[in-house]
């Protein structure tokens, strides 16, 4: 089964699922729920800190509120990971939403590490074995992408059973890492969050990791750079790779 793409508004997916149509219907449904919620509760869209949910918040918003409470970042910091999880569960497979990934797989999946122009980009990846799934693998960067970040990390990657939590925790890590001296304390902080299983950080040519990290494998993939999801807002151009 080959990977396919789907773009709708801010959602930019690359996926391999059993039921693509069901996945797309679920994405549109969850987006409608969030858009209606934001119309009634604009702070949900703009807040950079946790805020209480409305009494009739839809399930996806409640999941995002919970991730926000656990990490201290705003609820929208978890939206890409949350959408990726809903999509993967509805379609049955692997979904990447702009670098935030949720996997359900009966065979091993190798995820390449891409932190921009770093020593390990395109050279190593994580092997996700079937028994480790469902699993979210979400990343944040202070040097790439359109998402707001207050740090300077090349990449912070978080592994969790929850897409929303992995996304929010990666955002928190991306905000906190400003130099290589921040790697160790940020690893400790993120791995203390309930539900975070492992964290990988790259900054200034240094790497740190903690927790139950999936096995690292060597990559030899000439098509690696063609598989990177590129959002026109990200600033990452084909000629840069």
Protein backbone atom coordinates (compact mmCIF):
# COMPACT_ATOMS: atom_id res chain seq x y z
CA UNK A 1 0.00 0.00 0.00
CA UNK A 2 1.48 3.34 -1.08
CA UNK A 3 1.37 6.58 0.88
CA UNK A 4 -1.13 9.21 -0.26
CA UNK A 5 -1.65 12.90 0.47
CA UNK A 6 -4.62 14.97 1.57
CA UNK A 7 -4.69 18.73 2.16
CA UNK A 8 -7.61 20.65 3.62
CA UNK A 9 -7.13 24.14 5.03
CA UNK A 10 -4.33 23.83 7.64
CA UNK A 11 -4.44 20.02 7.61
CA UNK A 12 -1.63 18.59 5.48
CA UNK A 13 -1.56 14.79 5.59
CA UNK A 14 0.57 12.00 4.25
CA UNK A 15 -1.01 8.66 5.07
CA UNK A 16 -1.24 4.93 4.54
CA UNK A 17 -4.55 3.63 5.85
CA UNK A 18 -7.02 0.85 5.17
CA UNK A 19 -9.99 3.18 4.66
CA UNK A 20 -8.99 6.59 3.23
CA UNK A 21 -12.57 7.78 2.69
CA UNK A 22 -13.54 7.08 6.28
CA UNK A 23 -10.37 8.87 7.42
CA UNK A 24 -11.19 11.96 5.37
CA UNK A 25 -14.77 12.04 6.65
CA UNK A 26 -13.47 11.87 10.21
CA UNK A 27 -11.02 14.73 9.63
CA UNK A 28 -13.75 16.96 8.18
CA UNK A 29 -16.06 16.07 11.08
CA UNK A 30 -13.47 16.82 13.77
CA UNK A 31 -12.47 20.07 12.08
CA UNK A 32 -16.11 21.19 12.00
CA UNK A 33 -16.45 20.45 15.70
CA UNK A 34 -13.34 22.47 16.50
CA UNK A 35 -14.28 25.36 14.25
CA UNK A 36 -17.71 25.66 15.89
CA UNK A 37 -16.13 25.44 19.33
CA UNK A 38 -13.66 28.21 18.47
CA UNK A 39 -16.49 30.41 17.21
CA UNK A 40 -18.07 30.19 20.66
CA UNK A 41 -14.77 30.23 22.57
CA UNK A 42 -12.18 32.31 20.66
CA UNK A 43 -9.64 32.03 23.51
CA UNK A 44 -9.27 28.36 22.64
CA UNK A 45 -7.57 29.43 19.41
CA UNK A 46 -5.30 32.13 20.82
CA UNK A 47 -4.40 31.20 24.40
CA UNK A 48 -0.78 30.22 25.03
CA UNK A 49 -1.64 28.76 28.46
CA UNK A 50 -4.26 26.27 29.69
CA UNK A 51 -7.84 27.51 29.89
CA UNK A 52 -10.90 25.69 31.29
CA UNK A 53 -13.13 23.88 28.78
CA UNK A 54 -16.71 24.88 28.15
CA UNK A 55 -19.25 22.51 29.66
CA UNK A 56 -20.35 21.27 26.22
CA UNK A 57 -16.89 21.06 24.61
CA UNK A 58 -16.63 18.29 21.96
CA UNK A 59 -14.43 15.28 22.79
CA UNK A 60 -11.52 16.42 20.61
CA UNK A 61 -11.46 19.79 22.39
CA UNK A 62 -11.54 18.08 25.79
CA UNK A 63 -8.57 15.93 24.77
CA UNK A 64 -6.70 19.07 23.70
CA UNK A 65 -7.61 20.86 26.94
CA UNK A 66 -6.24 17.90 28.91
CA UNK A 67 -2.95 17.92 26.95
CA UNK A 68 -2.72 21.66 27.60
CA UNK A 69 -3.21 21.17 31.34
CA UNK A 70 -0.51 18.49 31.51
CA UNK A 71 2.06 20.55 29.62
CA UNK A 72 1.22 24.18 30.40
CA UNK A 73 0.99 25.25 26.74
CA UNK A 74 -2.14 26.48 24.96
CA UNK A 75 -4.71 23.93 23.76
CA UNK A 76 -4.10 24.60 20.06
CA UNK A 77 -0.50 23.40 20.51
CA UNK A 78 -1.96 19.89 20.36
CA UNK A 79 -4.28 20.21 17.36
CA UNK A 80 -2.09 18.55 14.70
CA UNK A 81 -1.37 15.54 16.89
CA UNK A 82 -5.01 15.23 17.90
CA UNK A 83 -6.19 15.33 14.28
CA UNK A 84 -3.53 12.78 13.29
CA UNK A 85 -4.78 10.37 15.96
CA UNK A 86 -8.45 10.72 15.04
CA UNK A 87 -7.53 10.22 11.38
CA UNK A 88 -5.35 7.16 11.98
CA UNK A 89 -7.93 5.50 14.22
CA UNK A 90 -10.74 6.16 11.73
CA UNK A 91 -8.77 5.00 8.70
CA UNK A 92 -6.74 2.27 10.36
CA UNK A 93 -3.10 2.96 9.60
CA UNK A 94 -0.34 5.56 9.62
CA UNK A 95 -1.03 9.29 9.38
CA UNK A 96 1.42 12.19 9.33
CA UNK A 97 -0.03 15.66 9.83
CA UNK A 98 2.74 18.15 9.01
CA UNK A 99 5.37 16.19 10.96
CA UNK A 100 3.08 14.95 13.73
CA UNK A 101 2.49 11.22 13.31
CA UNK A 102 0.11 8.63 14.69
CA UNK A 103 0.69 4.97 13.89
CA UNK A 104 -1.45 1.85 13.97
CA UNK A 105 0.42 -0.88 12.13
CA UNK A 106 0.69 -4.64 11.90
CA UNK A 107 4.20 -4.39 10.41
CA UNK A 108 7.30 -2.42 11.47
CA UNK A 109 7.42 1.22 10.35
CA UNK A 110 10.66 3.23 10.14
CA UNK A 111 10.36 6.96 10.76
CA UNK A 112 13.29 9.01 9.51
CA UNK A 113 14.72 11.77 11.69
CA UNK A 114 14.69 15.19 10.02
CA UNK A 115 15.84 18.20 12.01
CA UNK A 116 16.96 20.36 9.11
CA UNK A 117 20.67 20.57 8.38
CA UNK A 118 21.75 18.46 11.35
CA UNK A 119 24.33 15.63 11.46
CA UNK A 120 21.70 12.89 11.86
CA UNK A 121 19.08 14.12 9.39
CA UNK A 122 18.37 11.42 6.77
CA UNK A 123 20.92 9.09 8.43
CA UNK A 124 18.98 7.49 11.28
CA UNK A 125 15.38 6.63 12.00
CA UNK A 126 13.16 5.06 14.64
CA UNK A 127 11.81 1.55 14.06
CA UNK A 128 8.27 1.36 15.41
CA UNK A 129 7.32 -2.27 15.91
CA UNK A 130 3.62 -3.33 15.74
CA UNK A 131 3.41 -4.11 19.46
CA UNK A 132 4.42 -0.50 20.22
CA UNK A 133 1.39 0.87 18.37
CA UNK A 134 -0.95 2.74 18.62
CA UNK A 135 1.72 5.40 19.10
CA UNK A 136 2.09 9.12 18.49
CA UNK A 137 5.44 10.57 17.36
CA UNK A 138 5.24 14.37 17.31
CA UNK A 139 7.96 16.95 16.70
CA UNK A 140 8.55 20.65 17.20
CA UNK A 141 11.34 22.91 16.00
CA UNK A 142 12.47 26.44 16.73
CA UNK A 143 14.20 26.61 13.34
CA UNK A 144 11.67 25.09 10.93
CA UNK A 145 7.95 25.25 10.38
CA UNK A 146 5.23 27.86 10.69
CA UNK A 147 4.11 26.94 14.21
CA UNK A 148 4.94 29.34 17.02
CA UNK A 149 8.03 28.38 19.04
CA UNK A 150 10.00 30.38 21.60
CA UNK A 151 13.08 28.15 21.46
CA UNK A 152 15.93 27.30 19.11
CA UNK A 153 15.86 23.51 18.98
CA UNK A 154 16.57 21.81 15.68
CA UNK A 155 13.99 19.23 16.69
CA UNK A 156 12.21 17.93 19.79
CA UNK A 157 10.39 14.63 19.24
CA UNK A 158 8.01 13.13 21.78
CA UNK A 159 6.60 9.58 21.88
CA UNK A 160 3.24 8.98 23.57
CA UNK A 161 0.07 6.90 23.17
CA UNK A 162 -1.77 10.23 22.86
CA UNK A 163 -1.41 12.36 19.73
CA UNK A 164 -2.57 15.52 21.48
CA UNK A 165 -0.19 15.02 24.41
CA UNK A 166 2.80 14.19 22.20
CA UNK A 167 2.17 17.35 20.16
CA UNK A 168 1.73 19.60 23.20
CA UNK A 169 4.80 18.16 24.96
CA UNK A 170 6.90 18.60 21.82
CA UNK A 171 5.77 22.23 21.67
CA UNK A 172 6.75 22.72 25.31
CA UNK A 173 10.16 21.17 24.66
CA UNK A 174 10.63 23.30 21.56
CA UNK A 175 9.88 26.41 23.62
CA UNK A 176 12.33 25.50 26.38
CA UNK A 177 15.36 24.37 24.36
CA UNK A 178 17.50 27.38 23.45
CA UNK A 179 20.97 25.77 23.55
CA UNK A 180 22.63 22.41 24.12
CA UNK A 181 22.80 23.13 27.88
CA UNK A 182 19.00 22.86 27.97
CA UNK A 183 18.89 19.30 26.64
CA UNK A 184 19.21 17.43 29.94
CA UNK A 185 16.80 19.50 32.06
CA UNK A 186 14.19 19.55 29.31
CA UNK A 187 14.44 15.78 28.85
CA UNK A 188 13.81 15.34 32.57
CA UNK A 189 10.90 17.78 32.57
CA UNK A 190 9.14 16.26 29.58
CA UNK A 191 9.60 12.67 30.71
CA UNK A 192 7.96 13.53 34.03
CA UNK A 193 4.70 14.36 32.24
CA UNK A 194 2.24 11.46 32.65
CA UNK A 195 1.78 9.75 29.29
CA UNK A 196 5.11 10.79 27.77
CA UNK A 197 7.11 7.63 27.02
CA UNK A 198 10.28 9.03 25.44
CA UNK A 199 11.87 12.24 24.14
CA UNK A 200 14.56 12.98 21.54
CA UNK A 201 16.23 16.42 21.27
CA UNK A 202 18.70 17.83 18.74
CA UNK A 203 20.21 21.32 19.02
CA UNK A 204 23.51 22.85 17.94
CA UNK A 205 24.92 19.51 16.78
CA UNK A 206 24.18 17.80 20.12
CA UNK A 207 21.67 15.01 20.73
CA UNK A 208 19.96 13.82 23.89
CA UNK A 209 17.24 11.28 24.59
CA UNK A 210 15.45 9.73 27.53
CA UNK A 211 12.73 7.17 28.18
CA UNK A 212 11.54 4.12 26.28
CA UNK A 213 12.88 5.22 22.90
CA UNK A 214 12.09 2.96 19.91
CA UNK A 215 15.17 1.28 18.37
CA UNK A 216 17.35 3.52 16.22
CA UNK A 217 18.21 2.19 12.78
CA UNK A 218 20.53 3.38 10.04
CA UNK A 219 18.83 4.87 7.00
CA UNK A 220 19.92 4.39 3.42
CA UNK A 221 16.98 5.88 1.58
CA UNK A 222 17.67 7.89 -1.57
CA UNK A 223 14.03 9.01 -1.58
CA UNK A 224 14.20 10.34 1.99
CA UNK A 225 13.89 14.04 1.20
CA UNK A 226 10.98 13.48 -1.17
CA UNK A 227 9.00 11.96 1.71
CA UNK A 228 9.16 15.05 3.93
CA UNK A 229 5.81 16.79 4.20
CA UNK A 230 6.29 20.38 3.06
CA UNK A 231 3.85 23.09 4.01
CA UNK A 232 4.16 26.28 1.98
CA UNK A 233 4.19 28.16 5.29
CA UNK A 234 7.12 26.12 6.67
CA UNK A 235 9.93 27.91 4.85
CA UNK A 236 11.45 24.55 3.89
CA UNK A 237 11.92 24.52 0.12
CA UNK A 238 12.95 21.61 -2.09
CA UNK A 239 16.14 23.41 -3.12
CA UNK A 240 17.09 23.73 0.55
CA UNK A 241 17.25 19.94 0.97
